[in-house]
Amino acid sequence: MSKTGRFGDRGFVIAALMGLAAAFGPGLCSASGQDFDPVQAAFDEAAADRPRGVPPAPPEGAWGEVINVTERWLVLQNHAGQQFPIAVDDVQEFLVRWPGRADLISPEALVEAVGFSPGSNIIRTNHVDYFEGADRVLVSPTYAEILPNNMSVTTIDPGFNRFMNAWDYGGQNLLYGWAYPIPPGIQGNPARLHVVGSLIFPQPIQLAIPGNNFATILPENAGGMTVTQITRGDTRYVRKGDYAFIMPIEARLRGLRVSQLVVYKSMPFRQFNPNAK
């Protein structure tokens, strides 16, 4: 997993709520989220001679607040009060982000970080994610250099994580030669690393990475870095008032079809009781 849309501070989220209203036309419904029926809402609008149409989906994603959730449905509302139903079956990737701390990461977890590297497998970043238990399948051990266009450097890949194709050979040869990358900073190539590995030490964070090596994760600035645990999505984890980020594919009569839905929680996963309402 990459930072795919791979993203809970309420002040930050409220500032990000801009895109949904601008990109969508009139909301898919105006009924209360408590008794929302997307099909009935469509019939009501047709009977009132208000053609619904299909509003465009924002290509860069959008934010919303959960106003209702059931086993099969979530309803999000943007800052303009427009409500958008999402069927869980219409979500390609459903994730939940929980606030965490480095000292809460278990030795069995996988930790992911992407950031600037001054060398010696040191990464400076303002955020790391970690995956515990069965959620470790969301990522795999990784060591990859990243080019300015976010393509991986594959001429040197100690983990053998990627198959070289014709574009890799031709394109990367134009950038820095057949076998060896040029030093960081020359001709505008920044040194950025993407790593996923198991925790060796929590402070500073050190990870065991492919190639029988380790990486050290340091804050990008004096403000430190945030840490979140990522789990696979489940409507049992979602509550009214949670914020969510979505990457819509299309708007349909049934509701939004999305490639990714990420729900942000305000408490650590280990403190959450899925049976409490």
C-alpha atoms as a PDB file:
ATOM      1  CA  MET A   1       0.000   0.000   0.000  1.00  0.00           C
ATOM      2  CA  SER A   2       1.166   3.420  -0.770  1.00  0.00           C
ATOM      3  CA  LYS A   3      -0.214   6.521   0.444  1.00  0.00           C
ATOM      4  CA  THR A   4      -2.965   6.063  -1.958  1.00  0.00           C
ATOM      5  CA  GLY A   5      -5.081   7.795  -1.222  1.00  0.00           C
ATOM      6  CA  ARG A   6      -2.792   6.111   1.459  1.00  0.00           C
ATOM      7  CA  PHE A   7      -4.453  10.118   5.065  1.00  0.00           C
ATOM      8  CA  GLY A   8      -7.528  12.641  12.792  1.00  0.00           C
ATOM      9  CA  ASP A   9      -7.148  16.165  13.528  1.00  0.00           C
ATOM     10  CA  ARG A  10     -10.495  17.936  13.136  1.00  0.00           C
ATOM     11  CA  GLY A  11      -9.024  21.330  12.281  1.00  0.00           C
ATOM     12  CA  PHE A  12      -7.146  19.864   9.346  1.00  0.00           C
ATOM     13  CA  VAL A  13     -10.144  17.897   8.129  1.00  0.00           C
ATOM     14  CA  ILE A  14     -12.545  20.861   8.293  1.00  0.00           C
ATOM     15  CA  ALA A  15     -10.128  22.874   6.153  1.00  0.00           C
ATOM     16  CA  ALA A  16     -10.128  20.052   3.605  1.00  0.00           C
ATOM     17  CA  LEU A  17     -13.913  19.843   3.227  1.00  0.00           C
ATOM     18  CA  MET A  18     -13.896  22.391   0.357  1.00  0.00           C
ATOM     19  CA  GLY A  19     -13.847  20.094  -2.675  1.00  0.00           C
ATOM     20  CA  LEU A  20     -17.050  18.112  -2.286  1.00  0.00           C
ATOM     21  CA  ALA A  21     -19.565  20.942  -2.710  1.00  0.00           C
ATOM     22  CA  ALA A  22     -17.662  22.603  -5.547  1.00  0.00           C
ATOM     23  CA  ALA A  23     -17.302  19.405  -7.542  1.00  0.00           C
ATOM     24  CA  PHE A  24     -20.834  18.080  -7.076  1.00  0.00           C
ATOM     25  CA  GLY A  25     -24.066  19.655  -8.161  1.00  0.00           C
ATOM     26  CA  PRO A  26     -27.158  19.403  -5.949  1.00  0.00           C
ATOM     27  CA  GLY A  27     -26.715  16.650  -3.379  1.00  0.00           C
ATOM     28  CA  LEU A  28     -27.869  13.163  -4.147  1.00  0.00           C
ATOM     29  CA  CYS A  29     -30.505  13.533  -1.461  1.00  0.00           C
ATOM     30  CA  SER A  30     -31.860  15.989   1.033  1.00  0.00           C
ATOM     31  CA  ALA A  31     -33.579  13.509   3.319  1.00  0.00           C
ATOM     32  CA  SER A  32     -32.450  12.931   6.865  1.00  0.00           C
ATOM     33  CA  GLY A  33     -29.547  10.515   7.172  1.00  0.00           C
ATOM     34  CA  GLN A  34     -31.498   8.600   9.816  1.00  0.00           C
ATOM     35  CA  ASP A  35     -34.219   7.397   7.415  1.00  0.00           C
ATOM     36  CA  PHE A  36     -32.506   7.806   4.060  1.00  0.00           C
ATOM     37  CA  ASP A  37     -33.633   5.610   1.173  1.00  0.00           C
ATOM     38  CA  PRO A  38     -31.671   6.450  -2.010  1.00  0.00           C
ATOM     39  CA  VAL A  39     -34.124   4.758  -4.351  1.00  0.00           C
ATOM     40  CA  GLN A  40     -37.156   6.449  -2.795  1.00  0.00           C
ATOM     41  CA  ALA A  41     -35.325   9.794  -2.947  1.00  0.00           C
ATOM     42  CA  ALA A  42     -34.852   9.342  -6.693  1.00  0.00           C
ATOM     43  CA  PHE A  43     -38.557   8.633  -7.210  1.00  0.00           C
ATOM     44  CA  ASP A  44     -39.501  11.657  -5.102  1.00  0.00           C
ATOM     45  CA  GLU A  45     -37.343  13.970  -7.198  1.00  0.00           C
ATOM     46  CA  ALA A  46     -38.672  12.479 -10.457  1.00  0.00           C
ATOM     47  CA  ALA A  47     -42.256  12.946  -9.257  1.00  0.00           C
ATOM     48  CA  ALA A  48     -41.509  16.592  -8.437  1.00  0.00           C
ATOM     49  CA  ASP A  49     -40.136  17.034 -11.977  1.00  0.00           C
ATOM     50  CA  ARG A  50     -36.614  17.771 -10.729  1.00  0.00           C
ATOM     51  CA  PRO A  51     -34.230  15.850 -13.038  1.00  0.00           C
ATOM     52  CA  ARG A  52     -31.337  14.596 -11.022  1.00  0.00           C
ATOM     53  CA  GLY A  53     -28.618  14.076 -13.600  1.00  0.00           C
ATOM     54  CA  VAL A  54     -25.208  12.666 -12.683  1.00  0.00           C
ATOM     55  CA  PRO A  55     -22.862  15.173 -11.014  1.00  0.00           C
ATOM     56  CA  PRO A  56     -19.146  14.843 -11.791  1.00  0.00           C
ATOM     57  CA  ALA A  57     -16.946  13.083  -9.253  1.00  0.00           C
ATOM     58  CA  PRO A  58     -13.993  15.110  -7.908  1.00  0.00           C
ATOM     59  CA  PRO A  59     -10.851  13.467  -9.342  1.00  0.00           C
ATOM     60  CA  GLU A  60      -8.628  14.450  -6.403  1.00  0.00           C
ATOM     61  CA  GLY A  61     -11.009  13.203  -3.722  1.00  0.00           C
ATOM     62  CA  ALA A  62     -13.152  14.982  -1.146  1.00  0.00           C
ATOM     63  CA  TRP A  63     -13.952  15.105   2.583  1.00  0.00           C
ATOM     64  CA  GLY A  64     -17.219  14.575   4.425  1.00  0.00           C
ATOM     65  CA  GLU A  65     -18.672  13.892   7.875  1.00  0.00           C
ATOM     66  CA  VAL A  66     -20.478  10.654   8.658  1.00  0.00           C
ATOM     67  CA  ILE A  67     -24.086  11.451   9.566  1.00  0.00           C
ATOM     68  CA  ASN A  68     -25.470   7.918   9.454  1.00  0.00           C
ATOM     69  CA  VAL A  69     -24.098   4.391   9.268  1.00  0.00           C
ATOM     70  CA  THR A  70     -25.647   0.937   9.012  1.00  0.00           C
ATOM     71  CA  GLU A  71     -24.195  -2.483   8.294  1.00  0.00           C
ATOM     72  CA  ARG A  72     -24.398  -1.859   4.532  1.00  0.00           C
ATOM     73  CA  TRP A  73     -24.523   1.949   4.109  1.00  0.00           C
ATOM     74  CA  LEU A  74     -22.708   5.134   5.086  1.00  0.00           C
ATOM     75  CA  VAL A  75     -24.069   8.627   4.490  1.00  0.00           C
ATOM     76  CA  LEU A  76     -21.568  11.505   4.287  1.00  0.00           C
ATOM     77  CA  GLN A  77     -22.409  15.194   4.502  1.00  0.00           C
ATOM     78  CA  ASN A  78     -20.201  18.035   3.305  1.00  0.00           C
ATOM     79  CA  HIS A  79     -19.901  21.507   4.817  1.00  0.00           C
ATOM     80  CA  ALA A  80     -22.747  22.752   2.597  1.00  0.00           C
ATOM     81  CA  GLY A  81     -25.165  20.197   4.021  1.00  0.00           C
ATOM     82  CA  GLN A  82     -25.271  17.985   0.921  1.00  0.00           C
ATOM     83  CA  GLN A  83     -25.632  14.290   1.725  1.00  0.00           C
ATOM     84  CA  PHE A  84     -24.057  11.447  -0.251  1.00  0.00           C
ATOM     85  CA  PRO A  85     -24.963   7.781   0.364  1.00  0.00           C
ATOM     86  CA  ILE A  86     -22.278   5.137  -0.143  1.00  0.00           C
ATOM     87  CA  ALA A  87     -23.027   1.415  -0.217  1.00  0.00           C
ATOM     88  CA  VAL A  88     -20.233  -0.627   1.342  1.00  0.00           C
ATOM     89  CA  ASP A  89     -20.427  -2.961  -1.667  1.00  0.00           C
ATOM     90  CA  ASP A  90     -19.542   0.014  -3.887  1.00  0.00           C
ATOM     91  CA  VAL A  91     -16.238   0.702  -2.077  1.00  0.00           C
ATOM     92  CA  GLN A  92     -13.167  -0.845  -3.662  1.00  0.00           C
ATOM     93  CA  GLU A  93     -10.832  -0.113  -0.716  1.00  0.00           C
ATOM     94  CA  PHE A  94     -12.187   0.658   2.774  1.00  0.00           C
ATOM     95  CA  LEU A  95      -9.665   1.691   5.455  1.00  0.00           C
ATOM     96  CA  VAL A  96      -9.750   3.203   8.949  1.00  0.00           C
ATOM     97  CA  ARG A  97      -7.018   5.414  10.457  1.00  0.00           C
ATOM     98  CA  TRP A  98      -6.569   5.428  14.222  1.00  0.00           C
ATOM     99  CA  PRO A  99      -4.272   7.823  16.156  1.00  0.00           C
ATOM    100  CA  GLY A 100      -1.282   6.037  17.630  1.00  0.00           C
ATOM    101  CA  ARG A 101       2.168   6.435  19.163  1.00  0.00           C
ATOM    102  CA  ALA A 102       5.505   4.889  18.361  1.00  0.00           C
ATOM    103  CA  ASP A 103       5.662   3.206  21.773  1.00  0.00           C
ATOM    104  CA  LEU A 104       2.352   1.423  21.040  1.00  0.00           C
ATOM    105  CA  ILE A 105       3.732  -0.362  17.963  1.00  0.00           C
ATOM    106  CA  SER A 106       4.307  -4.067  18.574  1.00  0.00           C
ATOM    107  CA  PRO A 107       7.434  -5.874  17.309  1.00  0.00           C
ATOM    108  CA  GLU A 108       5.199  -7.940  15.007  1.00  0.00           C
ATOM    109  CA  ALA A 109       3.756  -4.873  13.245  1.00  0.00           C
ATOM    110  CA  LEU A 110       4.773  -3.561   9.843  1.00  0.00           C
ATOM    111  CA  VAL A 111       5.608   0.157   9.716  1.00  0.00           C
ATOM    112  CA  GLU A 112       5.481   2.327   6.579  1.00  0.00           C
ATOM    113  CA  ALA A 113       7.286   5.628   5.986  1.00  0.00           C
ATOM    114  CA  VAL A 114       7.966   7.834   2.962  1.00  0.00           C
ATOM    115  CA  GLY A 115      10.233  10.852   3.076  1.00  0.00           C
ATOM    116  CA  PHE A 116      13.423  12.702   2.227  1.00  0.00           C
ATOM    117  CA  SER A 117      16.664  10.793   2.807  1.00  0.00           C
ATOM    118  CA  PRO A 118      20.003  12.491   3.462  1.00  0.00           C
ATOM    119  CA  GLY A 119      21.687   9.087   3.055  1.00  0.00           C
ATOM    120  CA  SER A 120      22.589   5.998   5.113  1.00  0.00           C
ATOM    121  CA  ASN A 121      18.948   4.787   4.984  1.00  0.00           C
ATOM    122  CA  ILE A 122      17.776   7.712   7.121  1.00  0.00           C
ATOM    123  CA  ILE A 123      14.288   8.994   6.322  1.00  0.00           C
ATOM    124  CA  ARG A 124      12.967  12.359   7.477  1.00  0.00           C
ATOM    125  CA  THR A 125       9.181  12.561   7.452  1.00  0.00           C
ATOM    126  CA  ASN A 126       6.269  14.078   9.355  1.00  0.00           C
ATOM    127  CA  HIS A 127       4.159  10.909   9.456  1.00  0.00           C
ATOM    128  CA  VAL A 128       4.353   7.103   9.724  1.00  0.00           C
ATOM    129  CA  ASP A 129       1.681   4.382   9.527  1.00  0.00           C
ATOM    130  CA  TYR A 130       1.686   0.948  11.106  1.00  0.00           C
ATOM    131  CA  PHE A 131      -0.275  -2.261  10.531  1.00  0.00           C
ATOM    132  CA  GLU A 132      -0.940  -4.855  13.225  1.00  0.00           C
ATOM    133  CA  GLY A 133      -2.124  -8.463  13.125  1.00  0.00           C
ATOM    134  CA  ALA A 134      -4.186  -9.489  10.103  1.00  0.00           C
ATOM    135  CA  ASP A 135      -3.976  -5.940   8.703  1.00  0.00           C
ATOM    136  CA  ARG A 136      -0.319  -6.514   7.824  1.00  0.00           C
ATOM    137  CA  VAL A 137      -1.537  -7.981   4.527  1.00  0.00           C
ATOM    138  CA  LEU A 138      -2.262  -4.392   3.420  1.00  0.00           C
ATOM    139  CA  VAL A 139       1.494  -3.834   2.924  1.00  0.00           C
ATOM    140  CA  SER A 140       4.655  -5.848   2.355  1.00  0.00           C
ATOM    141  CA  PRO A 141       8.331  -5.295   3.275  1.00  0.00           C
ATOM    142  CA  THR A 142       9.624  -2.596   0.934  1.00  0.00           C
ATOM    143  CA  TYR A 143      12.741  -0.589   0.174  1.00  0.00           C
ATOM    144  CA  ALA A 144      12.338   1.706  -2.824  1.00  0.00           C
ATOM    145  CA  GLU A 145      13.900   4.949  -3.982  1.00  0.00           C
ATOM    146  CA  ILE A 146      11.406   7.404  -5.471  1.00  0.00           C
ATOM    147  CA  LEU A 147      11.937   9.707  -8.435  1.00  0.00           C
ATOM    148  CA  PRO A 148      10.460  13.216  -8.738  1.00  0.00           C
ATOM    149  CA  ASN A 149       7.561  11.826 -10.821  1.00  0.00           C
ATOM    150  CA  ASN A 150       6.828   9.271  -8.030  1.00  0.00           C
ATOM    151  CA  MET A 151       8.160   6.373 -10.120  1.00  0.00           C
ATOM    152  CA  SER A 152      10.296   3.825  -8.299  1.00  0.00           C
ATOM    153  CA  VAL A 153      14.003   3.532  -8.941  1.00  0.00           C
ATOM    154  CA  THR A 154      14.279  -0.053 -10.193  1.00  0.00           C
ATOM    155  CA  THR A 155      17.846  -0.234 -11.490  1.00  0.00           C
ATOM    156  CA  ILE A 156      18.925  -0.837  -7.896  1.00  0.00           C
ATOM    157  CA  ASP A 157      16.340  -2.792  -5.909  1.00  0.00           C
ATOM    158  CA  PRO A 158      17.849  -4.879  -3.082  1.00  0.00           C
ATOM    159  CA  GLY A 159      14.482  -6.411  -2.283  1.00  0.00           C
ATOM    160  CA  PHE A 160      13.803  -7.444  -5.902  1.00  0.00           C
ATOM    161  CA  ASN A 161      10.281  -6.059  -5.448  1.00  0.00           C
ATOM    162  CA  ARG A 162       9.650  -5.030  -9.042  1.00  0.00           C
ATOM    163  CA  PHE A 163       9.992  -6.508 -12.512  1.00  0.00           C
ATOM    164  CA  MET A 164      11.987  -4.348 -14.902  1.00  0.00           C
ATOM    165  CA  ASN A 165      10.200  -3.475 -18.134  1.00  0.00           C
ATOM    166  CA  ALA A 166      11.241  -1.637 -21.289  1.00  0.00           C
ATOM    167  CA  TRP A 167      10.155   1.751 -19.919  1.00  0.00           C
ATOM    168  CA  ASP A 168      12.262   1.220 -16.809  1.00  0.00           C
ATOM    169  CA  TYR A 169      15.412   0.525 -18.776  1.00  0.00           C
ATOM    170  CA  GLY A 170      14.920   3.256 -21.350  1.00  0.00           C
ATOM    171  CA  GLY A 171      13.444   5.949 -19.116  1.00  0.00           C
ATOM    172  CA  GLN A 172      15.772   5.493 -16.206  1.00  0.00           C
ATOM    173  CA  ASN A 173      18.812   5.329 -18.455  1.00  0.00           C
ATOM    174  CA  LEU A 174      17.933   8.823 -19.642  1.00  0.00           C
ATOM    175  CA  LEU A 175      17.744   9.981 -16.026  1.00  0.00           C
ATOM    176  CA  TYR A 176      20.864   8.529 -14.436  1.00  0.00           C
ATOM    177  CA  GLY A 177      22.547   5.764 -16.402  1.00  0.00           C
ATOM    178  CA  TRP A 178      22.059   2.035 -16.797  1.00  0.00           C
ATOM    179  CA  ALA A 179      23.155   0.677 -13.470  1.00  0.00           C
ATOM    180  CA  TYR A 180      23.953   3.342 -10.900  1.00  0.00           C
ATOM    181  CA  PRO A 181      21.840   6.345  -9.874  1.00  0.00           C
ATOM    182  CA  ILE A 182      23.603   9.681  -9.746  1.00  0.00           C
ATOM    183  CA  PRO A 183      24.186  11.212  -6.288  1.00  0.00           C
ATOM    184  CA  PRO A 184      21.165  12.868  -4.632  1.00  0.00           C
ATOM    185  CA  GLY A 185      20.662  16.502  -5.560  1.00  0.00           C
ATOM    186  CA  ILE A 186      22.464  16.381  -8.914  1.00  0.00           C
ATOM    187  CA  GLN A 187      20.302  17.400 -11.901  1.00  0.00           C
ATOM    188  CA  GLY A 188      17.328  17.881  -9.601  1.00  0.00           C
ATOM    189  CA  ASN A 189      16.856  14.257  -8.495  1.00  0.00           C
ATOM    190  CA  PRO A 190      15.869  14.349  -4.796  1.00  0.00           C
ATOM    191  CA  ALA A 191      16.680  11.449  -2.511  1.00  0.00           C
ATOM    192  CA  ARG A 192      13.344  10.040  -1.315  1.00  0.00           C
ATOM    193  CA  LEU A 193      12.751   6.614   0.145  1.00  0.00           C
ATOM    194  CA  HIS A 194       9.652   4.487   0.686  1.00  0.00           C
ATOM    195  CA  VAL A 195      10.180   1.752   3.273  1.00  0.00           C
ATOM    196  CA  VAL A 196       8.020  -0.846   4.994  1.00  0.00           C
ATOM    197  CA  GLY A 197       9.540  -3.018   7.710  1.00  0.00           C
ATOM    198  CA  SER A 198       9.175  -4.477  11.173  1.00  0.00           C
ATOM    199  CA  LEU A 199       9.990  -2.378  14.231  1.00  0.00           C
ATOM    200  CA  ILE A 200      13.434  -2.771  15.751  1.00  0.00           C
ATOM    201  CA  PHE A 201      13.399   0.226  18.097  1.00  0.00           C
ATOM    202  CA  PRO A 202      10.651   2.812  18.807  1.00  0.00           C
ATOM    203  CA  GLN A 203      12.742   5.911  19.614  1.00  0.00           C
ATOM    204  CA  PRO A 204      14.117   6.823  17.208  1.00  0.00           C
ATOM    205  CA  ILE A 205      12.101   4.492  15.019  1.00  0.00           C
ATOM    206  CA  GLN A 206      14.278   1.881  13.369  1.00  0.00           C
ATOM    207  CA  LEU A 207      12.902  -0.676  10.917  1.00  0.00           C
ATOM    208  CA  ALA A 208      14.238  -3.946   9.572  1.00  0.00           C
ATOM    209  CA  ILE A 209      13.993  -3.640   5.779  1.00  0.00           C
ATOM    210  CA  PRO A 210      14.755  -5.904   2.763  1.00  0.00           C
ATOM    211  CA  GLY A 211      18.398  -6.534   1.986  1.00  0.00           C
ATOM    212  CA  ASN A 212      19.254  -7.517   5.592  1.00  0.00           C
ATOM    213  CA  ASN A 213      19.426  -3.822   6.442  1.00  0.00           C
ATOM    214  CA  PHE A 214      17.650  -1.258   8.614  1.00  0.00           C
ATOM    215  CA  ALA A 215      16.230   2.240   8.196  1.00  0.00           C
ATOM    216  CA  THR A 216      16.042   5.056  10.747  1.00  0.00           C
ATOM    217  CA  ILE A 217      12.948   7.284  10.735  1.00  0.00           C
ATOM    218  CA  LEU A 218      13.432  10.827  12.061  1.00  0.00           C
ATOM    219  CA  PRO A 219      11.072  13.849  12.269  1.00  0.00           C
ATOM    220  CA  GLU A 220      11.217  16.200   9.309  1.00  0.00           C
ATOM    221  CA  ASN A 221      11.085  19.218  11.638  1.00  0.00           C
ATOM    222  CA  ALA A 222      11.082  20.125  15.328  1.00  0.00           C
ATOM    223  CA  GLY A 223       7.334  19.564  15.558  1.00  0.00           C
ATOM    224  CA  GLY A 224       7.831  15.810  15.520  1.00  0.00           C
ATOM    225  CA  MET A 225       5.756  13.380  13.473  1.00  0.00           C
ATOM    226  CA  THR A 226       2.318  11.878  13.705  1.00  0.00           C
ATOM    227  CA  VAL A 227       1.685   8.140  13.932  1.00  0.00           C
ATOM    228  CA  THR A 228      -1.466   6.293  12.853  1.00  0.00           C
ATOM    229  CA  GLN A 229      -2.551   2.667  12.878  1.00  0.00           C
ATOM    230  CA  ILE A 230      -4.351   1.533   9.736  1.00  0.00           C
ATOM    231  CA  THR A 231      -6.936  -1.242   9.732  1.00  0.00           C
ATOM    232  CA  ARG A 232      -9.246  -2.636   7.110  1.00  0.00           C
ATOM    233  CA  GLY A 233     -12.601  -0.913   7.096  1.00  0.00           C
ATOM    234  CA  ASP A 234     -15.647  -2.215   8.922  1.00  0.00           C
ATOM    235  CA  THR A 235     -18.908  -0.354   9.493  1.00  0.00           C
ATOM    236  CA  ARG A 236     -18.770  -1.530  13.136  1.00  0.00           C
ATOM    237  CA  TYR A 237     -15.852   0.883  13.559  1.00  0.00           C
ATOM    238  CA  VAL A 238     -17.680   3.899  12.084  1.00  0.00           C
ATOM    239  CA  ARG A 239     -19.687   6.339  14.190  1.00  0.00           C
ATOM    240  CA  LYS A 240     -21.739   9.435  13.463  1.00  0.00           C
ATOM    241  CA  GLY A 241     -19.402  12.440  13.566  1.00  0.00           C
ATOM    242  CA  ASP A 242     -16.374  10.638  12.131  1.00  0.00           C
ATOM    243  CA  TYR A 243     -14.646  12.337   9.205  1.00  0.00           C
ATOM    244  CA  ALA A 244     -13.924  10.459   5.998  1.00  0.00           C
ATOM    245  CA  PHE A 245     -11.919  10.975   2.818  1.00  0.00           C
ATOM    246  CA  ILE A 246     -13.289   9.501  -0.407  1.00  0.00           C
ATOM    247  CA  MET A 247     -11.985   9.015  -3.940  1.00  0.00           C
ATOM    248  CA  PRO A 248     -15.185   8.833  -6.041  1.00  0.00           C
ATOM    249  CA  ILE A 249     -15.382   6.947  -9.323  1.00  0.00           C
ATOM    250  CA  GLU A 250     -18.896   7.928 -10.332  1.00  0.00           C
ATOM    251  CA  ALA A 251     -22.234   9.095  -8.960  1.00  0.00           C
ATOM    252  CA  ARG A 252     -25.122   6.722  -9.646  1.00  0.00           C
ATOM    253  CA  LEU A 253     -28.788   6.481  -8.678  1.00  0.00           C
ATOM    254  CA  ARG A 254     -27.803   4.079  -5.906  1.00  0.00           C
ATOM    255  CA  GLY A 255     -25.198   6.509  -4.540  1.00  0.00           C
ATOM    256  CA  LEU A 256     -21.462   7.125  -4.901  1.00  0.00           C
ATOM    257  CA  ARG A 257     -19.160   4.432  -6.193  1.00  0.00           C
ATOM    258  CA  VAL A 258     -15.671   5.053  -4.760  1.00  0.00           C
ATOM    259  CA  SER A 259     -12.201   3.617  -5.239  1.00  0.00           C
ATOM    260  CA  GLN A 260     -11.153   4.411  -1.676  1.00  0.00           C
ATOM    261  CA  LEU A 261     -12.896   5.363   1.559  1.00  0.00           C
ATOM    262  CA  VAL A 262     -10.731   6.266   4.565  1.00  0.00           C
ATOM    263  CA  VAL A 263     -12.418   6.939   7.915  1.00  0.00           C
ATOM    264  CA  TYR A 264     -10.513   8.911  10.574  1.00  0.00           C
ATOM    265  CA  LYS A 265     -10.996   8.058  14.233  1.00  0.00           C
ATOM    266  CA  SER A 266     -10.295  10.199  17.297  1.00  0.00           C
ATOM    267  CA  MET A 267      -9.152   7.408  19.659  1.00  0.00           C
ATOM    268  CA  PRO A 268      -6.603   4.577  19.424  1.00  0.00           C
ATOM    269  CA  PHE A 269      -7.869   1.272  18.085  1.00  0.00           C
ATOM    270  CA  ARG A 270      -7.126  -0.563  21.325  1.00  0.00           C
ATOM    271  CA  GLN A 271      -9.420   1.830  23.228  1.00  0.00           C
ATOM    272  CA  PHE A 272     -12.346   1.467  20.837  1.00  0.00           C
ATOM    273  CA  ASN A 273     -15.306  -0.719  21.767  1.00  0.00           C
ATOM    274  CA  PRO A 274     -17.170  -1.763  18.591  1.00  0.00           C
ATOM    275  CA  ASN A 275     -20.176  -2.816  20.662  1.00  0.00           C
ATOM    276  CA  ALA A 276     -20.648   0.616  22.257  1.00  0.00           C
ATOM    277  CA  LYS A 277     -23.021   3.001  20.487  1.00  0.00           C
END
